[in-house]
PDB file of N, CA and C in Angstrom:
ATOM      1  N   MET A   1      -2.996  -0.291 -24.872  1.00  0.00           N
ATOM      2  CA  MET A   1      -2.549  -0.901 -23.646  1.00  0.00           C
ATOM      3  C   MET A   1      -2.085  -0.313 -22.367  1.00  0.00           C
ATOM      4  N   SER A   2      -1.591   1.010 -22.661  1.00  0.00           N
ATOM      5  CA  SER A   2      -1.046   2.183 -21.548  1.00  0.00           C
ATOM      6  C   SER A   2      -1.916   2.428 -20.735  1.00  0.00           C
ATOM      7  N   GLY A   3      -3.154   2.874 -21.011  1.00  0.00           N
ATOM      8  CA  GLY A   3      -4.431   3.157 -20.300  1.00  0.00           C
ATOM      9  C   GLY A   3      -5.005   2.473 -19.428  1.00  0.00           C
ATOM     10  N   ASN A   4      -4.633   0.850 -19.459  1.00  0.00           N
ATOM     11  CA  ASN A   4      -4.784   0.039 -18.361  1.00  0.00           C
ATOM     12  C   ASN A   4      -3.827  -0.872 -17.743  1.00  0.00           C
ATOM     13  N   TYR A   5      -2.699   0.095 -17.782  1.00  0.00           N
ATOM     14  CA  TYR A   5      -1.157  -0.394 -17.231  1.00  0.00           C
ATOM     15  C   TYR A   5      -1.890   0.201 -15.740  1.00  0.00           C
ATOM     16  N   LYS A   6      -1.552  -0.676 -14.796  1.00  0.00           N
ATOM     17  CA  LYS A   6      -1.265  -0.199 -12.919  1.00  0.00           C
ATOM     18  C   LYS A   6      -0.269  -0.334 -12.353  1.00  0.00           C
ATOM     19  N   ASP A   7       0.365   0.728 -12.052  1.00  0.00           N
ATOM     20  CA  ASP A   7       1.834   0.005 -10.941  1.00  0.00           C
ATOM     21  C   ASP A   7       1.470  -1.369 -10.393  1.00  0.00           C
ATOM     22  N   PRO A   8       2.349  -1.878 -10.191  1.00  0.00           N
ATOM     23  CA  PRO A   8       2.638  -2.516  -9.621  1.00  0.00           C
ATOM     24  C   PRO A   8       2.320  -2.434  -7.391  1.00  0.00           C
ATOM     25  N   ARG A   9       3.131  -1.767  -7.108  1.00  0.00           N
ATOM     26  CA  ARG A   9       3.202  -1.033  -6.110  1.00  0.00           C
ATOM     27  C   ARG A   9       1.741  -0.609  -5.663  1.00  0.00           C
ATOM     28  N   GLN A  10       0.634  -0.191  -6.600  1.00  0.00           N
ATOM     29  CA  GLN A  10      -0.465   0.442  -6.127  1.00  0.00           C
ATOM     30  C   GLN A  10      -1.411  -1.269  -5.874  1.00  0.00           C
ATOM     31  N   VAL A  11      -1.682  -1.823  -6.883  1.00  0.00           N
ATOM     32  CA  VAL A  11      -1.876  -3.021  -6.603  1.00  0.00           C
ATOM     33  C   VAL A  11      -1.413  -3.985  -5.332  1.00  0.00           C
ATOM     34  N   ALA A  12      -0.243  -3.655  -4.815  1.00  0.00           N
ATOM     35  CA  ALA A  12       0.090  -4.787  -3.729  1.00  0.00           C
ATOM     36  C   ALA A  12      -0.860  -3.073  -2.666  1.00  0.00           C
ATOM     37  N   LEU A  13      -0.395  -1.886  -2.988  1.00  0.00           N
ATOM     38  CA  LEU A  13      -0.757  -1.096  -2.089  1.00  0.00           C
ATOM     39  C   LEU A  13      -2.313  -1.741  -1.500  1.00  0.00           C
ATOM     40  N   GLU A  14      -3.619  -1.571  -2.666  1.00  0.00           N
ATOM     41  CA  GLU A  14      -5.067  -1.752  -2.595  1.00  0.00           C
ATOM     42  C   GLU A  14      -5.400  -3.121  -1.662  1.00  0.00           C
ATOM     43  N   LEU A  15      -4.327  -4.412  -2.621  1.00  0.00           N
ATOM     44  CA  LEU A  15      -4.250  -5.586  -1.338  1.00  0.00           C
ATOM     45  C   LEU A  15      -3.718  -5.856   0.105  1.00  0.00           C
ATOM     46  N   VAL A  16      -3.233  -4.664   0.395  1.00  0.00           N
ATOM     47  CA  VAL A  16      -2.694  -4.584   1.439  1.00  0.00           C
ATOM     48  C   VAL A  16      -3.381  -4.130   2.687  1.00  0.00           C
ATOM     49  N   LYS A  17      -4.310  -3.015   2.044  1.00  0.00           N
ATOM     50  CA  LYS A  17      -4.933  -2.113   2.528  1.00  0.00           C
ATOM     51  C   LYS A  17      -6.611  -2.960   3.070  1.00  0.00           C
ATOM     52  N   LYS A  18      -6.810  -3.906   1.857  1.00  0.00           N
ATOM     53  CA  LYS A  18      -8.037  -4.874   1.688  1.00  0.00           C
ATOM     54  C   LYS A  18      -7.776  -5.847   2.891  1.00  0.00           C
ATOM     55  N   ALA A  19      -6.521  -6.468   2.757  1.00  0.00           N
ATOM     56  CA  ALA A  19      -6.129  -7.310   4.039  1.00  0.00           C
ATOM     57  C   ALA A  19      -6.264  -7.148   4.947  1.00  0.00           C
ATOM     58  N   SER A  20      -5.584  -5.357   5.575  1.00  0.00           N
ATOM     59  CA  SER A  20      -5.683  -5.411   6.689  1.00  0.00           C
ATOM     60  C   SER A  20      -6.896  -5.217   7.305  1.00  0.00           C
ATOM     61  N   ASP A  21      -8.059  -4.345   6.341  1.00  0.00           N
ATOM     62  CA  ASP A  21      -9.414  -3.982   7.029  1.00  0.00           C
ATOM     63  C   ASP A  21      -9.548  -5.193   7.335  1.00  0.00           C
ATOM     64  N   GLN A  22      -9.506  -6.562   6.626  1.00  0.00           N
ATOM     65  CA  GLN A  22     -10.490  -7.738   6.376  1.00  0.00           C
ATOM     66  C   GLN A  22      -9.521  -8.551   8.316  1.00  0.00           C
ATOM     67  N   ILE A  23      -8.526  -8.250   8.025  1.00  0.00           N
ATOM     68  CA  ILE A  23      -8.500  -9.032   9.226  1.00  0.00           C
ATOM     69  C   ILE A  23      -8.855  -8.024  10.684  1.00  0.00           C
ATOM     70  N   ARG A  24      -8.726  -6.790  10.683  1.00  0.00           N
ATOM     71  CA  ARG A  24      -9.157  -5.848  11.822  1.00  0.00           C
ATOM     72  C   ARG A  24     -10.328  -6.267  12.385  1.00  0.00           C
ATOM     73  N   TYR A  25     -11.594  -6.366  11.198  1.00  0.00           N
ATOM     74  CA  TYR A  25     -12.949  -6.441  11.309  1.00  0.00           C
ATOM     75  C   TYR A  25     -12.980  -7.746  12.149  1.00  0.00           C
ATOM     76  N   THR A  26     -12.508  -9.326  11.505  1.00  0.00           N
ATOM     77  CA  THR A  26     -13.065 -10.312  11.885  1.00  0.00           C
ATOM     78  C   THR A  26     -12.261 -10.882  12.970  1.00  0.00           C
ATOM     79  N   ASN A  27     -10.965 -10.615  13.531  1.00  0.00           N
ATOM     80  CA  ASN A  27     -10.527 -10.682  14.656  1.00  0.00           C
ATOM     81  C   ASN A  27     -10.271 -10.280  15.618  1.00  0.00           C
ATOM     82  N   ASP A  28      -9.884 -10.522  16.714  1.00  0.00           N
ATOM     83  CA  ASP A  28      -9.464 -10.032  18.125  1.00  0.00           C
ATOM     84  C   ASP A  28      -8.494 -10.396  19.012  1.00  0.00           C
ATOM     85  N   ASP A  29      -7.529 -10.690  18.427  1.00  0.00           N
ATOM     86  CA  ASP A  29      -6.436 -11.589  19.318  1.00  0.00           C
ATOM     87  C   ASP A  29      -4.990 -10.884  19.112  1.00  0.00           C
ATOM     88  N   GLU A  30      -4.140 -11.139  19.722  1.00  0.00           N
ATOM     89  CA  GLU A  30      -2.746 -10.535  19.862  1.00  0.00           C
ATOM     90  C   GLU A  30      -2.082 -10.735  18.388  1.00  0.00           C
ATOM     91  N   PHE A  31      -2.535 -11.837  17.387  1.00  0.00           N
ATOM     92  CA  PHE A  31      -1.991 -12.046  16.263  1.00  0.00           C
ATOM     93  C   PHE A  31      -2.628 -10.633  15.817  1.00  0.00           C
ATOM     94  N   THR A  32      -3.591 -10.366  15.477  1.00  0.00           N
ATOM     95  CA  THR A  32      -4.494  -9.909  14.812  1.00  0.00           C
ATOM     96  C   THR A  32      -4.125  -8.533  14.899  1.00  0.00           C
ATOM     97  N   PHE A  33      -3.597  -8.009  16.185  1.00  0.00           N
ATOM     98  CA  PHE A  33      -3.390  -6.528  16.357  1.00  0.00           C
ATOM     99  C   PHE A  33      -1.859  -6.871  15.371  1.00  0.00           C
ATOM    100  N   GLU A  34      -0.641  -7.999  15.633  1.00  0.00           N
ATOM    101  CA  GLU A  34       0.828  -7.551  14.952  1.00  0.00           C
ATOM    102  C   GLU A  34       0.772  -7.587  13.514  1.00  0.00           C
ATOM    103  N   MET A  35      -0.303  -8.726  13.098  1.00  0.00           N
ATOM    104  CA  MET A  35      -0.508  -8.912  11.618  1.00  0.00           C
ATOM    105  C   MET A  35      -1.025  -7.321  10.849  1.00  0.00           C
ATOM    106  N   VAL A  36      -1.859  -6.713  11.480  1.00  0.00           N
ATOM    107  CA  VAL A  36      -2.298  -5.185  10.972  1.00  0.00           C
ATOM    108  C   VAL A  36      -1.197  -4.550  10.852  1.00  0.00           C
ATOM    109  N   ASN A  37      -0.378  -4.169  12.482  1.00  0.00           N
ATOM    110  CA  ASN A  37       0.485  -3.321  12.279  1.00  0.00           C
ATOM    111  C   ASN A  37       1.866  -4.277  11.259  1.00  0.00           C
ATOM    112  N   LYS A  38       2.065  -4.535  11.012  1.00  0.00           N
ATOM    113  CA  LYS A  38       2.859  -5.096   9.871  1.00  0.00           C
ATOM    114  C   LYS A  38       3.006  -4.985   8.737  1.00  0.00           C
ATOM    115  N   LEU A  39       1.066  -5.235   8.618  1.00  0.00           N
ATOM    116  CA  LEU A  39       0.550  -4.647   7.127  1.00  0.00           C
ATOM    117  C   LEU A  39       0.753  -3.085   7.086  1.00  0.00           C
ATOM    118  N   GLU A  40       0.287  -2.261   7.793  1.00  0.00           N
ATOM    119  CA  GLU A  40       0.216  -0.929   7.941  1.00  0.00           C
ATOM    120  C   GLU A  40       1.657  -0.795   7.587  1.00  0.00           C
ATOM    121  N   GLU A  41       2.480  -1.201   8.090  1.00  0.00           N
ATOM    122  CA  GLU A  41       4.065  -1.108   7.742  1.00  0.00           C
ATOM    123  C   GLU A  41       4.159  -0.919   6.612  1.00  0.00           C
ATOM    124  N   ILE A  42       4.000  -2.185   5.776  1.00  0.00           N
ATOM    125  CA  ILE A  42       4.103  -2.171   4.492  1.00  0.00           C
ATOM    126  C   ILE A  42       2.999  -1.271   3.704  1.00  0.00           C
ATOM    127  N   GLU A  43       1.916  -0.452   4.024  1.00  0.00           N
ATOM    128  CA  GLU A  43       1.547  -0.075   3.240  1.00  0.00           C
ATOM    129  C   GLU A  43       2.074   1.512   3.577  1.00  0.00           C
ATOM    130  N   ASP A  44       2.534   1.961   4.397  1.00  0.00           N
ATOM    131  CA  ASP A  44       3.351   2.989   4.390  1.00  0.00           C
ATOM    132  C   ASP A  44       4.874   3.360   3.919  1.00  0.00           C
ATOM    133  N   MET A  45       4.884   1.565   3.416  1.00  0.00           N
ATOM    134  CA  MET A  45       6.264   2.368   2.498  1.00  0.00           C
ATOM    135  C   MET A  45       6.286   1.885   1.339  1.00  0.00           C
ATOM    136  N   LEU A  46       4.889   1.417   0.628  1.00  0.00           N
ATOM    137  CA  LEU A  46       4.247   1.574  -0.320  1.00  0.00           C
ATOM    138  C   LEU A  46       3.720   2.792  -0.828  1.00  0.00           C
ATOM    139  N   LYS A  47       3.880   3.816   0.075  1.00  0.00           N
ATOM    140  CA  LYS A  47       3.145   4.642  -0.114  1.00  0.00           C
ATOM    141  C   LYS A  47       4.458   6.093  -0.484  1.00  0.00           C
ATOM    142  N   LYS A  48       4.835   5.635   0.769  1.00  0.00           N
ATOM    143  CA  LYS A  48       6.019   6.358   0.743  1.00  0.00           C
ATOM    144  C   LYS A  48       6.523   6.122  -0.988  1.00  0.00           C
ATOM    145  N   ASP A  49       7.105   4.679  -1.201  1.00  0.00           N
ATOM    146  CA  ASP A  49       7.955   4.793  -2.722  1.00  0.00           C
ATOM    147  C   ASP A  49       7.019   5.417  -3.800  1.00  0.00           C
ATOM    148  N   ILE A  50       5.678   5.323  -3.911  1.00  0.00           N
ATOM    149  CA  ILE A  50       4.863   5.859  -4.508  1.00  0.00           C
ATOM    150  C   ILE A  50       5.112   7.430  -4.807  1.00  0.00           C
ATOM    151  N   ASP A  51       4.629   7.714  -3.942  1.00  0.00           N
ATOM    152  CA  ASP A  51       4.958   9.257  -3.653  1.00  0.00           C
ATOM    153  C   ASP A  51       6.546   9.794  -4.062  1.00  0.00           C
ATOM    154  N   LYS A  52       7.261   9.247  -3.627  1.00  0.00           N
ATOM    155  CA  LYS A  52       8.711   9.555  -3.908  1.00  0.00           C
ATOM    156  C   LYS A  52       9.249   9.600  -5.310  1.00  0.00           C
ATOM    157  N   ASP A  53       8.462   8.654  -6.367  1.00  0.00           N
ATOM    158  CA  ASP A  53       8.572   8.618  -7.517  1.00  0.00           C
ATOM    159  C   ASP A  53       7.687   9.788  -8.363  1.00  0.00           C
ATOM    160  N   LYS A  54       6.417   9.754  -7.808  1.00  0.00           N
ATOM    161  CA  LYS A  54       5.819  10.515  -8.842  1.00  0.00           C
ATOM    162  C   LYS A  54       6.709  11.792  -8.277  1.00  0.00           C
ATOM    163  N   LEU A  55       6.809  12.554  -7.101  1.00  0.00           N
ATOM    164  CA  LEU A  55       7.406  13.740  -7.191  1.00  0.00           C
ATOM    165  C   LEU A  55       8.674  14.206  -7.826  1.00  0.00           C
ATOM    166  N   VAL A  56       9.511  12.588  -8.072  1.00  0.00           N
ATOM    167  CA  VAL A  56      10.877  12.698  -9.031  1.00  0.00           C
ATOM    168  C   VAL A  56      10.140  12.841 -10.610  1.00  0.00           C
ATOM    169  N   GLU A  57       8.959  12.249 -11.221  1.00  0.00           N
ATOM    170  CA  GLU A  57       8.519  12.257 -12.249  1.00  0.00           C
ATOM    171  C   GLU A  57       7.707  13.825 -12.366  1.00  0.00           C
ATOM    172  N   ARG A  58       7.364  14.321 -11.411  1.00  0.00           N
ATOM    173  CA  ARG A  58       6.883  16.392 -11.793  1.00  0.00           C
ATOM    174  C   ARG A  58       8.242  16.689 -11.559  1.00  0.00           C
ATOM    175  N   VAL A  59       9.330  16.442 -10.867  1.00  0.00           N
ATOM    176  CA  VAL A  59      10.649  17.356 -11.085  1.00  0.00           C
ATOM    177  C   VAL A  59      11.260  17.234 -11.923  1.00  0.00           C
ATOM    178  N   SER A  60      11.050  15.875 -12.699  1.00  0.00           N
ATOM    179  CA  SER A  60      11.773  15.949 -14.267  1.00  0.00           C
ATOM    180  C   SER A  60      10.609  16.310 -15.293  1.00  0.00           C
ATOM    181  N   LEU A  61       9.445  16.568 -15.223  1.00  0.00           N
ATOM    182  CA  LEU A  61       8.746  17.505 -16.094  1.00  0.00           C
ATOM    183  C   LEU A  61       8.890  18.696 -15.910  1.00  0.00           C
ATOM    184  N   ALA A  62       9.270  19.747 -15.113  1.00  0.00           N
ATOM    185  CA  ALA A  62       9.377  20.994 -14.837  1.00  0.00           C
ATOM    186  C   ALA A  62      10.772  21.258 -15.511  1.00  0.00           C
TER     187      ALA A  62
END
């Protein structure tokens, strides 16, 4: 079962990317730009958190 496990943050990151792309390419107004900017902020936070955990894991294995 562990082979099928996916980090919830990774799933959230994928959803945020898809939502951001969908919104960006279907609308062209001020609300869209604000929404995409917020989604990109969330994407960056998730990436940093995931990368931080990967680094900690590598250091602890060394």
